[in-house]
Amino acid sequence: DSPAVYVYKEKYNGGELVYVRDQENFEHQENLLWLQTAAFGVLVILLGGALGLWLSRRLILKPVHRLAQEVQASARSSPYKPISESVMTSDEIGELARICNNALGRLYSSLEREKSFTRDVSHELRTPLTVIATSAELLALTPLDDKQRRQLEKITHSADMMRDLVSFFLQLARQSSDAPQEAGGDTVASLLRRC
């Protein structure tokens, strides 16, 4: 009646020989072995996953996080502070750090050239503007007809607008990107309304 019993019959010396094997204990051991193997497999998968997560955080995410911190610190610094050499390793993260360092260096250099150019051009424009404004003031002291007076007003108004623009560009060139705005300065809306 037991499903774990195997019977083998064989003819032997004119009679019948019957072998009976009780497999119940063997099947119990076999089931226990399968259960242990499955539990060990789950344990290996869990430990492997935990180890993989730890290694990925330690070997991949930690260097990326350090690089991100270095790039942020470099981007916020004024004057330009290169990315630390400790991040520039011989792997992909180091290569990415070198690329970021070169890009930030070129960006800061370009911004400094632009500021210098704006400052120099603004200073150079002040002299001819002063000559135009002074000449217009002297011309206003002479007798002019209505048409000449209107032309002179256009010249004076345009020179004043140009002087304001030059002052604005000089202020932009002097101002560092992280310096706070001066209180009472023009807002963008008021500048647009004036323009």
N, C-alpha and C. Protein backbone atom coordinates (compact mmCIF):
# COMPACT_ATOMS: atom_id res chain seq x y z
N ASP A 1 0.82 -1.22 0.00
CA ASP A 1 0.00 0.00 0.00
C ASP A 1 0.85 1.27 0.00
N SER A 2 2.08 1.19 0.44
CA SER A 2 2.93 2.39 0.51
C SER A 2 3.48 2.70 -0.88
N PRO A 3 3.42 3.98 -1.30
CA PRO A 3 3.98 4.33 -2.62
C PRO A 3 5.50 4.29 -2.63
N ALA A 4 6.12 4.18 -1.48
CA ALA A 4 7.57 4.20 -1.41
C ALA A 4 8.15 2.79 -1.33
N VAL A 5 7.37 1.78 -1.65
CA VAL A 5 7.85 0.40 -1.60
C VAL A 5 7.94 -0.11 -3.03
N TYR A 6 9.10 -0.69 -3.37
CA TYR A 6 9.30 -1.24 -4.71
C TYR A 6 9.48 -2.76 -4.58
N VAL A 7 8.82 -3.48 -5.49
CA VAL A 7 8.86 -4.94 -5.47
C VAL A 7 9.44 -5.41 -6.80
N TYR A 8 10.38 -6.38 -6.70
CA TYR A 8 11.00 -6.93 -7.90
C TYR A 8 10.88 -8.45 -7.84
N LYS A 9 10.26 -9.02 -8.87
CA LYS A 9 10.10 -10.47 -8.89
C LYS A 9 11.01 -11.05 -9.95
N GLU A 10 11.55 -12.23 -9.61
CA GLU A 10 12.44 -12.89 -10.54
C GLU A 10 12.29 -14.41 -10.36
N LYS A 11 12.33 -15.16 -11.44
CA LYS A 11 12.28 -16.62 -11.36
C LYS A 11 13.67 -17.10 -11.01
N TYR A 12 13.72 -17.98 -10.00
CA TYR A 12 15.02 -18.45 -9.53
C TYR A 12 14.91 -19.92 -9.12
N ASN A 13 15.66 -20.81 -9.76
CA ASN A 13 15.70 -22.24 -9.48
C ASN A 13 14.28 -22.86 -9.42
N GLY A 14 13.51 -22.56 -10.40
CA GLY A 14 12.18 -23.14 -10.49
C GLY A 14 11.19 -22.49 -9.56
N GLY A 15 11.57 -21.54 -8.83
CA GLY A 15 10.66 -20.84 -7.92
C GLY A 15 10.67 -19.33 -8.21
N GLU A 16 10.06 -18.62 -7.41
CA GLU A 16 9.96 -17.19 -7.59
C GLU A 16 10.64 -16.49 -6.44
N LEU A 17 11.50 -15.56 -6.80
CA LEU A 17 12.22 -14.79 -5.79
C LEU A 17 11.66 -13.37 -5.81
N VAL A 18 11.31 -12.86 -4.66
CA VAL A 18 10.71 -11.52 -4.58
C VAL A 18 11.62 -10.65 -3.72
N TYR A 19 11.99 -9.53 -4.32
CA TYR A 19 12.78 -8.51 -3.59
C TYR A 19 11.85 -7.36 -3.24
N VAL A 20 11.86 -6.93 -2.02
CA VAL A 20 11.03 -5.78 -1.58
C VAL A 20 11.98 -4.74 -1.00
N ARG A 21 11.81 -3.55 -1.53
CA ARG A 21 12.67 -2.44 -1.05
C ARG A 21 11.79 -1.31 -0.55
N ASP A 22 11.96 -0.93 0.70
CA ASP A 22 11.21 0.19 1.28
C ASP A 22 11.98 1.48 1.02
N GLN A 23 11.44 2.34 0.19
CA GLN A 23 12.10 3.58 -0.23
C GLN A 23 11.64 4.80 0.59
N GLU A 24 10.81 4.60 1.58
CA GLU A 24 10.24 5.74 2.30
C GLU A 24 11.33 6.60 2.96
N ASN A 25 12.30 5.99 3.60
CA ASN A 25 13.38 6.74 4.25
C ASN A 25 14.24 7.44 3.20
N PHE A 26 14.49 6.74 2.08
CA PHE A 26 15.28 7.34 1.00
C PHE A 26 14.58 8.57 0.42
N GLU A 27 13.26 8.46 0.16
CA GLU A 27 12.51 9.59 -0.38
C GLU A 27 12.46 10.75 0.62
N HIS A 28 12.37 10.43 1.89
CA HIS A 28 12.39 11.49 2.91
C HIS A 28 13.74 12.22 2.87
N GLN A 29 14.83 11.45 2.76
CA GLN A 29 16.17 12.05 2.67
C GLN A 29 16.31 12.87 1.38
N GLU A 30 15.73 12.34 0.29
CA GLU A 30 15.78 13.04 -0.98
C GLU A 30 15.03 14.37 -0.91
N ASN A 31 13.84 14.38 -0.31
CA ASN A 31 13.06 15.62 -0.14
C ASN A 31 13.80 16.62 0.75
N LEU A 32 14.41 16.09 1.80
CA LEU A 32 15.19 16.96 2.69
C LEU A 32 16.38 17.58 1.96
N LEU A 33 17.02 16.78 1.10
CA LEU A 33 18.15 17.29 0.31
C LEU A 33 17.69 18.38 -0.66
N TRP A 34 16.53 18.17 -1.32
CA TRP A 34 15.99 19.20 -2.22
C TRP A 34 15.67 20.49 -1.45
N LEU A 35 15.10 20.36 -0.28
CA LEU A 35 14.77 21.52 0.54
C LEU A 35 16.04 22.26 0.96
N GLN A 36 17.05 21.51 1.37
CA GLN A 36 18.32 22.14 1.75
C GLN A 36 18.98 22.84 0.56
N THR A 37 18.92 22.20 -0.60
CA THR A 37 19.50 22.79 -1.81
C THR A 37 18.77 24.08 -2.18
N ALA A 38 17.44 24.06 -2.11
CA ALA A 38 16.66 25.26 -2.42
C ALA A 38 16.96 26.38 -1.42
N ALA A 39 17.03 26.04 -0.13
CA ALA A 39 17.33 27.05 0.89
C ALA A 39 18.74 27.61 0.68
N PHE A 40 19.68 26.75 0.36
CA PHE A 40 21.04 27.21 0.11
C PHE A 40 21.08 28.12 -1.13
N GLY A 41 20.32 27.76 -2.17
CA GLY A 41 20.25 28.58 -3.38
C GLY A 41 19.69 29.96 -3.09
N VAL A 42 18.59 30.00 -2.32
CA VAL A 42 18.01 31.30 -1.95
C VAL A 42 19.00 32.11 -1.13
N LEU A 43 19.68 31.45 -0.20
CA LEU A 43 20.66 32.13 0.63
C LEU A 43 21.81 32.68 -0.21
N VAL A 44 22.29 31.89 -1.18
CA VAL A 44 23.36 32.34 -2.07
C VAL A 44 22.89 33.53 -2.90
N ILE A 45 21.66 33.48 -3.39
CA ILE A 45 21.13 34.60 -4.19
C ILE A 45 21.02 35.85 -3.33
N LEU A 46 20.50 35.72 -2.11
CA LEU A 46 20.37 36.89 -1.23
C LEU A 46 21.74 37.46 -0.86
N LEU A 47 22.67 36.57 -0.48
CA LEU A 47 24.01 37.05 -0.13
C LEU A 47 24.71 37.66 -1.35
N GLY A 48 24.54 37.02 -2.50
CA GLY A 48 25.14 37.56 -3.74
C GLY A 48 24.56 38.91 -4.08
N GLY A 49 23.24 39.07 -3.93
CA GLY A 49 22.60 40.35 -4.19
C GLY A 49 23.09 41.42 -3.23
N ALA A 50 23.18 41.07 -1.93
CA ALA A 50 23.66 42.03 -0.94
C ALA A 50 25.12 42.40 -1.22
N LEU A 51 25.94 41.41 -1.54
CA LEU A 51 27.34 41.69 -1.86
C LEU A 51 27.45 42.53 -3.13
N GLY A 52 26.63 42.20 -4.14
CA GLY A 52 26.64 42.99 -5.38
C GLY A 52 26.22 44.43 -5.14
N LEU A 53 25.19 44.62 -4.31
CA LEU A 53 24.75 45.97 -3.98
C LEU A 53 25.84 46.73 -3.23
N TRP A 54 26.46 46.07 -2.27
CA TRP A 54 27.53 46.72 -1.51
C TRP A 54 28.70 47.08 -2.43
N LEU A 55 29.09 46.14 -3.30
CA LEU A 55 30.21 46.41 -4.21
C LEU A 55 29.86 47.52 -5.21
N SER A 56 28.62 47.49 -5.71
CA SER A 56 28.25 48.54 -6.66
C SER A 56 28.25 49.90 -5.99
N ARG A 57 27.80 49.97 -4.76
CA ARG A 57 27.83 51.25 -4.04
C ARG A 57 29.27 51.68 -3.76
N ARG A 58 30.08 50.72 -3.35
CA ARG A 58 31.46 51.05 -2.97
C ARG A 58 32.34 51.32 -4.19
N LEU A 59 32.20 50.49 -5.21
CA LEU A 59 33.10 50.61 -6.35
C LEU A 59 32.57 51.52 -7.45
N ILE A 60 31.26 51.69 -7.55
CA ILE A 60 30.71 52.48 -8.65
C ILE A 60 30.10 53.78 -8.15
N LEU A 61 29.17 53.68 -7.23
CA LEU A 61 28.44 54.89 -6.81
C LEU A 61 29.29 55.83 -5.96
N LYS A 62 30.14 55.30 -5.10
CA LYS A 62 30.95 56.17 -4.25
C LYS A 62 31.89 57.05 -5.09
N PRO A 63 32.63 56.50 -6.06
CA PRO A 63 33.47 57.37 -6.89
C PRO A 63 32.65 58.37 -7.71
N VAL A 64 31.47 57.96 -8.18
CA VAL A 64 30.62 58.88 -8.94
C VAL A 64 30.15 60.01 -8.03
N HIS A 65 29.78 59.66 -6.80
CA HIS A 65 29.35 60.67 -5.83
C HIS A 65 30.50 61.64 -5.51
N ARG A 66 31.70 61.11 -5.32
CA ARG A 66 32.87 61.97 -5.07
C ARG A 66 33.13 62.90 -6.25
N LEU A 67 33.02 62.36 -7.46
CA LEU A 67 33.21 63.18 -8.66
C LEU A 67 32.16 64.28 -8.73
N ALA A 68 30.91 63.94 -8.44
CA ALA A 68 29.84 64.94 -8.47
C ALA A 68 30.12 66.05 -7.45
N GLN A 69 30.59 65.69 -6.25
CA GLN A 69 30.92 66.70 -5.24
C GLN A 69 32.07 67.59 -5.71
N GLU A 70 33.08 67.00 -6.32
CA GLU A 70 34.23 67.77 -6.80
C GLU A 70 33.82 68.73 -7.92
N VAL A 71 32.97 68.25 -8.84
CA VAL A 71 32.52 69.11 -9.94
C VAL A 71 31.68 70.25 -9.40
N GLN A 72 30.81 69.97 -8.43
CA GLN A 72 30.00 71.03 -7.83
C GLN A 72 30.87 72.05 -7.12
N ALA A 73 31.86 71.59 -6.38
CA ALA A 73 32.76 72.51 -5.67
C ALA A 73 33.55 73.36 -6.66
N SER A 74 33.99 72.74 -7.74
CA SER A 74 34.75 73.47 -8.75
C SER A 74 33.86 74.48 -9.46
N ALA A 75 32.62 74.10 -9.74
CA ALA A 75 31.70 75.00 -10.45
C ALA A 75 31.31 76.19 -9.58
N ARG A 76 31.27 76.01 -8.26
CA ARG A 76 30.89 77.10 -7.35
C ARG A 76 32.05 78.03 -7.02
N SER A 77 33.26 77.57 -7.22
CA SER A 77 34.42 78.35 -6.77
C SER A 77 34.66 79.54 -7.69
N SER A 78 35.12 80.58 -7.09
CA SER A 78 35.50 81.77 -7.85
C SER A 78 36.74 82.34 -7.16
N PRO A 79 37.86 82.36 -7.74
CA PRO A 79 38.21 81.97 -9.10
C PRO A 79 38.20 80.45 -9.26
N TYR A 80 38.41 80.02 -10.49
CA TYR A 80 38.31 78.61 -10.84
C TYR A 80 39.26 77.76 -10.01
N LYS A 81 38.72 76.69 -9.45
CA LYS A 81 39.51 75.72 -8.69
C LYS A 81 39.39 74.37 -9.41
N PRO A 82 40.49 73.85 -9.95
CA PRO A 82 40.42 72.58 -10.69
C PRO A 82 39.94 71.44 -9.80
N ILE A 83 39.44 70.40 -10.43
CA ILE A 83 39.00 69.20 -9.73
C ILE A 83 40.22 68.52 -9.12
N SER A 84 40.05 68.01 -7.91
CA SER A 84 41.15 67.38 -7.17
C SER A 84 41.75 66.20 -7.93
N GLU A 85 43.05 66.06 -7.84
CA GLU A 85 43.76 64.96 -8.51
C GLU A 85 43.38 63.60 -7.93
N SER A 86 42.89 63.57 -6.69
CA SER A 86 42.53 62.28 -6.07
C SER A 86 41.38 61.60 -6.80
N VAL A 87 40.57 62.37 -7.52
CA VAL A 87 39.44 61.80 -8.25
C VAL A 87 39.88 61.29 -9.62
N MET A 88 40.98 61.79 -10.12
CA MET A 88 41.43 61.43 -11.47
C MET A 88 42.22 60.13 -11.45
N THR A 89 41.49 59.05 -11.31
CA THR A 89 42.09 57.73 -11.28
C THR A 89 42.28 57.21 -12.70
N SER A 90 42.73 55.98 -12.82
CA SER A 90 43.01 55.43 -14.15
C SER A 90 41.82 54.67 -14.73
N ASP A 91 40.64 54.84 -14.16
CA ASP A 91 39.46 54.15 -14.68
C ASP A 91 38.53 55.13 -15.39
N GLU A 92 37.31 54.70 -15.66
CA GLU A 92 36.35 55.53 -16.39
C GLU A 92 35.97 56.78 -15.60
N ILE A 93 35.89 56.66 -14.29
CA ILE A 93 35.55 57.80 -13.44
C ILE A 93 36.65 58.86 -13.54
N GLY A 94 37.90 58.42 -13.54
CA GLY A 94 39.01 59.35 -13.69
C GLY A 94 38.99 60.05 -15.03
N GLU A 95 38.65 59.29 -16.08
CA GLU A 95 38.54 59.89 -17.42
C GLU A 95 37.43 60.92 -17.45
N LEU A 96 36.31 60.59 -16.82
CA LEU A 96 35.19 61.54 -16.74
C LEU A 96 35.59 62.78 -15.94
N ALA A 97 36.37 62.59 -14.88
CA ALA A 97 36.85 63.73 -14.08
C ALA A 97 37.76 64.63 -14.92
N ARG A 98 38.64 64.03 -15.72
CA ARG A 98 39.52 64.83 -16.58
C ARG A 98 38.71 65.61 -17.61
N ILE A 99 37.69 64.96 -18.19
CA ILE A 99 36.86 65.64 -19.18
C ILE A 99 36.12 66.81 -18.53
N CYS A 100 35.54 66.57 -17.35
CA CYS A 100 34.84 67.66 -16.63
C CYS A 100 35.80 68.79 -16.28
N ASN A 101 36.99 68.44 -15.84
CA ASN A 101 37.99 69.44 -15.46
C ASN A 101 38.36 70.31 -16.67
N ASN A 102 38.61 69.65 -17.81
CA ASN A 102 38.95 70.40 -19.02
C ASN A 102 37.80 71.29 -19.46
N ALA A 103 36.58 70.75 -19.41
CA ALA A 103 35.41 71.53 -19.84
C ALA A 103 35.18 72.73 -18.93
N LEU A 104 35.28 72.51 -17.62
CA LEU A 104 35.10 73.62 -16.68
C LEU A 104 36.21 74.66 -16.83
N GLY A 105 37.44 74.19 -17.05
CA GLY A 105 38.55 75.12 -17.26
C GLY A 105 38.33 75.99 -18.49
N ARG A 106 37.90 75.36 -19.60
CA ARG A 106 37.62 76.14 -20.82
C ARG A 106 36.46 77.10 -20.60
N LEU A 107 35.44 76.67 -19.86
CA LEU A 107 34.28 77.53 -19.60
C LEU A 107 34.70 78.75 -18.78
N TYR A 108 35.45 78.52 -17.70
CA TYR A 108 35.90 79.65 -16.88
C TYR A 108 36.82 80.58 -17.67
N SER A 109 37.69 80.01 -18.47
CA SER A 109 38.59 80.83 -19.29
C SER A 109 37.79 81.68 -20.26
N SER A 110 36.79 81.06 -20.88
CA SER A 110 35.94 81.80 -21.81
C SER A 110 35.17 82.91 -21.11
N LEU A 111 34.65 82.61 -19.93
CA LEU A 111 33.91 83.64 -19.18
C LEU A 111 34.83 84.79 -18.78
N GLU A 112 36.05 84.47 -18.38
CA GLU A 112 36.99 85.54 -18.00
C GLU A 112 37.35 86.40 -19.21
N ARG A 113 37.56 85.77 -20.37
CA ARG A 113 37.85 86.54 -21.59
C ARG A 113 36.66 87.44 -21.94
N GLU A 114 35.46 86.89 -21.80
CA GLU A 114 34.26 87.67 -22.10
C GLU A 114 34.13 88.86 -21.16
N LYS A 115 34.37 88.62 -19.86
CA LYS A 115 34.31 89.73 -18.90
C LYS A 115 35.36 90.78 -19.23
N SER A 116 36.56 90.32 -19.52
CA SER A 116 37.64 91.26 -19.85
C SER A 116 37.30 92.06 -21.10
N PHE A 117 36.78 91.37 -22.12
CA PHE A 117 36.41 92.05 -23.36
C PHE A 117 35.30 93.08 -23.10
N THR A 118 34.28 92.69 -22.35
CA THR A 118 33.18 93.60 -22.04
C THR A 118 33.68 94.81 -21.27
N ARG A 119 34.55 94.56 -20.31
CA ARG A 119 35.10 95.66 -19.50
C ARG A 119 35.93 96.60 -20.37
N ASP A 120 36.80 96.04 -21.22
CA ASP A 120 37.65 96.87 -22.07
C ASP A 120 36.85 97.66 -23.09
N VAL A 121 35.88 96.98 -23.74
CA VAL A 121 35.07 97.66 -24.74
C VAL A 121 34.25 98.76 -24.09
N SER A 122 33.69 98.47 -22.92
CA SER A 122 32.89 99.49 -22.23
C SER A 122 33.73 100.70 -21.89
N HIS A 123 34.95 100.48 -21.41
CA HIS A 123 35.83 101.62 -21.10
C HIS A 123 36.19 102.38 -22.37
N GLU A 124 36.45 101.65 -23.44
CA GLU A 124 36.81 102.31 -24.70
C GLU A 124 35.65 103.10 -25.29
N LEU A 125 34.42 102.65 -25.07
CA LEU A 125 33.25 103.35 -25.59
C LEU A 125 32.94 104.62 -24.81
N ARG A 126 33.37 104.70 -23.57
CA ARG A 126 33.06 105.88 -22.76
C ARG A 126 33.67 107.16 -23.35
N THR A 127 34.87 107.08 -23.89
CA THR A 127 35.53 108.28 -24.42
C THR A 127 34.76 108.87 -25.60
N PRO A 128 34.44 108.09 -26.65
CA PRO A 128 33.67 108.70 -27.74
C PRO A 128 32.28 109.14 -27.29
N LEU A 129 31.67 108.43 -26.35
CA LEU A 129 30.36 108.85 -25.85
C LEU A 129 30.45 110.20 -25.13
N THR A 130 31.50 110.38 -24.39
CA THR A 130 31.69 111.66 -23.70
C THR A 130 31.88 112.78 -24.72
N VAL A 131 32.63 112.50 -25.78
CA VAL A 131 32.82 113.51 -26.83
C VAL A 131 31.49 113.84 -27.49
N ILE A 132 30.67 112.82 -27.79
CA ILE A 132 29.37 113.05 -28.43
C ILE A 132 28.46 113.85 -27.49
N ALA A 133 28.41 113.45 -26.21
CA ALA A 133 27.54 114.14 -25.25
C ALA A 133 27.99 115.58 -25.06
N THR A 134 29.30 115.81 -24.94
CA THR A 134 29.82 117.18 -24.77
C THR A 134 29.54 118.03 -26.00
N SER A 135 29.76 117.47 -27.17
CA SER A 135 29.49 118.20 -28.41
C SER A 135 28.01 118.53 -28.52
N ALA A 136 27.14 117.59 -28.12
CA ALA A 136 25.69 117.85 -28.16
C ALA A 136 25.31 118.96 -27.19
N GLU A 137 25.92 118.97 -26.01
CA GLU A 137 25.63 120.04 -25.03
C GLU A 137 26.08 121.40 -25.57
N LEU A 138 27.26 121.43 -26.18
CA LEU A 138 27.75 122.69 -26.75
C LEU A 138 26.87 123.13 -27.92
N LEU A 139 26.44 122.17 -28.70
CA LEU A 139 25.57 122.49 -29.83
C LEU A 139 24.22 123.01 -29.36
N ALA A 140 23.75 122.51 -28.22
CA ALA A 140 22.47 122.96 -27.67
C ALA A 140 22.53 124.42 -27.23
N LEU A 141 23.73 124.96 -26.96
CA LEU A 141 23.88 126.35 -26.54
C LEU A 141 23.82 127.32 -27.72
N THR A 142 23.87 126.79 -28.92
CA THR A 142 23.81 127.65 -30.10
C THR A 142 22.37 127.77 -30.58
N PRO A 143 22.07 128.82 -31.35
CA PRO A 143 20.71 128.94 -31.87
C PRO A 143 20.45 127.88 -32.95
N LEU A 144 19.32 127.11 -32.76
CA LEU A 144 18.96 126.03 -33.69
C LEU A 144 17.49 126.17 -34.07
N ASP A 145 17.20 125.77 -35.31
CA ASP A 145 15.78 125.76 -35.69
C ASP A 145 15.14 124.48 -35.16
N ASP A 146 13.84 124.30 -35.35
CA ASP A 146 13.10 123.16 -34.76
C ASP A 146 13.62 121.82 -35.27
N LYS A 147 13.89 121.75 -36.54
CA LYS A 147 14.38 120.48 -37.12
C LYS A 147 15.74 120.12 -36.53
N GLN A 148 16.63 121.09 -36.42
CA GLN A 148 17.95 120.83 -35.84
C GLN A 148 17.83 120.47 -34.35
N ARG A 149 16.90 121.13 -33.65
CA ARG A 149 16.70 120.84 -32.22
C ARG A 149 16.21 119.39 -32.05
N ARG A 150 15.29 118.93 -32.91
CA ARG A 150 14.80 117.54 -32.83
C ARG A 150 15.93 116.55 -33.10
N GLN A 151 16.76 116.84 -34.09
CA GLN A 151 17.91 115.97 -34.37
C GLN A 151 18.87 115.92 -33.19
N LEU A 152 19.09 117.10 -32.58
CA LEU A 152 19.98 117.17 -31.42
C LEU A 152 19.41 116.38 -30.25
N GLU A 153 18.10 116.44 -30.05
CA GLU A 153 17.46 115.66 -28.98
C GLU A 153 17.61 114.16 -29.24
N LYS A 154 17.50 113.73 -30.48
CA LYS A 154 17.71 112.31 -30.82
C LYS A 154 19.14 111.89 -30.50
N ILE A 155 20.09 112.77 -30.87
CA ILE A 155 21.51 112.45 -30.58
C ILE A 155 21.72 112.35 -29.08
N THR A 156 21.19 113.32 -28.33
CA THR A 156 21.36 113.34 -26.87
C THR A 156 20.70 112.12 -26.23
N HIS A 157 19.49 111.81 -26.67
CA HIS A 157 18.77 110.65 -26.13
C HIS A 157 19.52 109.35 -26.43
N SER A 158 20.00 109.19 -27.65
CA SER A 158 20.75 107.97 -28.02
C SER A 158 22.06 107.88 -27.26
N ALA A 159 22.74 109.02 -27.07
CA ALA A 159 23.99 109.01 -26.30
C ALA A 159 23.72 108.63 -24.85
N ASP A 160 22.62 109.11 -24.29
CA ASP A 160 22.26 108.74 -22.91
C ASP A 160 21.96 107.24 -22.79
N MET A 161 21.21 106.72 -23.78
CA MET A 161 20.91 105.29 -23.77
C MET A 161 22.19 104.47 -23.90
N MET A 162 23.10 104.94 -24.78
CA MET A 162 24.37 104.22 -24.95
C MET A 162 25.19 104.28 -23.67
N ARG A 163 25.20 105.42 -22.99
CA ARG A 163 25.93 105.56 -21.73
C ARG A 163 25.36 104.61 -20.69
N ASP A 164 24.01 104.48 -20.62
CA ASP A 164 23.39 103.54 -19.68
C ASP A 164 23.77 102.10 -20.00
N LEU A 165 23.78 101.76 -21.29
CA LEU A 165 24.17 100.40 -21.69
C LEU A 165 25.62 100.11 -21.33
N VAL A 166 26.49 101.08 -21.59
CA VAL A 166 27.91 100.89 -21.25
C VAL A 166 28.06 100.71 -19.75
N SER A 167 27.35 101.51 -18.96
CA SER A 167 27.42 101.37 -17.50
C SER A 167 26.90 100.01 -17.07
N PHE A 168 25.82 99.57 -17.71
CA PHE A 168 25.25 98.26 -17.39
C PHE A 168 26.25 97.15 -17.71
N PHE A 169 26.89 97.22 -18.89
CA PHE A 169 27.88 96.20 -19.25
C PHE A 169 29.07 96.22 -18.31
N LEU A 170 29.50 97.39 -17.90
CA LEU A 170 30.60 97.48 -16.94
C LEU A 170 30.21 96.84 -15.61
N GLN A 171 28.98 97.09 -15.19
CA GLN A 171 28.52 96.50 -13.94
C GLN A 171 28.48 94.98 -14.05
N LEU A 172 28.01 94.48 -15.19
CA LEU A 172 27.99 93.02 -15.40
C LEU A 172 29.41 92.44 -15.40
N ALA A 173 30.32 93.15 -16.04
CA ALA A 173 31.71 92.65 -16.12
C ALA A 173 32.36 92.62 -14.74
N ARG A 174 32.02 93.57 -13.89
CA ARG A 174 32.64 93.64 -12.55
C ARG A 174 32.01 92.66 -11.58
N GLN A 175 30.78 92.33 -11.83
CA GLN A 175 30.03 91.51 -10.89
C GLN A 175 30.40 90.04 -11.07
N SER A 176 30.75 89.37 -9.98
CA SER A 176 31.02 87.93 -10.09
C SER A 176 29.70 87.18 -10.05
N SER A 177 29.72 85.98 -10.55
CA SER A 177 28.47 85.23 -10.70
C SER A 177 27.84 84.90 -9.36
N ASP A 178 28.62 84.78 -8.28
CA ASP A 178 28.03 84.41 -7.00
C ASP A 178 27.89 85.59 -6.06
N ALA A 179 28.17 86.83 -6.52
CA ALA A 179 28.01 88.00 -5.67
C ALA A 179 26.54 88.35 -5.56
N PRO A 180 26.07 88.76 -4.37
CA PRO A 180 24.67 89.12 -4.22
C PRO A 180 24.35 90.41 -4.97
N GLN A 181 23.09 90.54 -5.41
CA GLN A 181 22.66 91.74 -6.11
C GLN A 181 22.62 92.91 -5.14
N GLU A 182 22.96 94.08 -5.63
CA GLU A 182 22.90 95.26 -4.80
C GLU A 182 21.45 95.62 -4.54
N ALA A 183 21.17 96.06 -3.33
CA ALA A 183 19.81 96.45 -2.99
C ALA A 183 19.45 97.72 -3.75
N GLY A 184 18.24 97.78 -4.24
CA GLY A 184 17.78 98.98 -4.93
C GLY A 184 18.18 99.00 -6.39
N GLY A 185 18.82 97.95 -6.90
CA GLY A 185 19.23 97.93 -8.30
C GLY A 185 18.03 97.72 -9.21
N ASP A 186 18.25 97.92 -10.51
CA ASP A 186 17.17 97.74 -11.47
C ASP A 186 16.77 96.29 -11.56
N THR A 187 15.47 96.08 -11.67
CA THR A 187 14.99 94.72 -11.93
C THR A 187 14.93 94.55 -13.44
N VAL A 188 14.82 93.32 -13.88
CA VAL A 188 14.75 93.05 -15.32
C VAL A 188 13.50 93.72 -15.91
N ALA A 189 12.40 93.65 -15.15
CA ALA A 189 11.14 94.24 -15.65
C ALA A 189 11.31 95.76 -15.86
N SER A 190 11.95 96.44 -14.88
CA SER A 190 12.11 97.89 -15.05
C SER A 190 13.06 98.23 -16.19
N LEU A 191 14.08 97.40 -16.38
CA LEU A 191 14.98 97.63 -17.51
C LEU A 191 14.25 97.46 -18.83
N LEU A 192 13.40 96.42 -18.91
CA LEU A 192 12.65 96.19 -20.14
C LEU A 192 11.66 97.32 -20.40
N ARG A 193 10.98 97.80 -19.34
CA ARG A 193 10.05 98.92 -19.53
C ARG A 193 10.78 100.16 -20.03
N ARG A 194 11.97 100.41 -19.47
CA ARG A 194 12.73 101.59 -19.89
C ARG A 194 13.17 101.47 -21.33
N CYS A 195 13.61 100.25 -21.71
CA CYS A 195 14.04 100.05 -23.11
C CYS A 195 12.87 100.18 -24.05
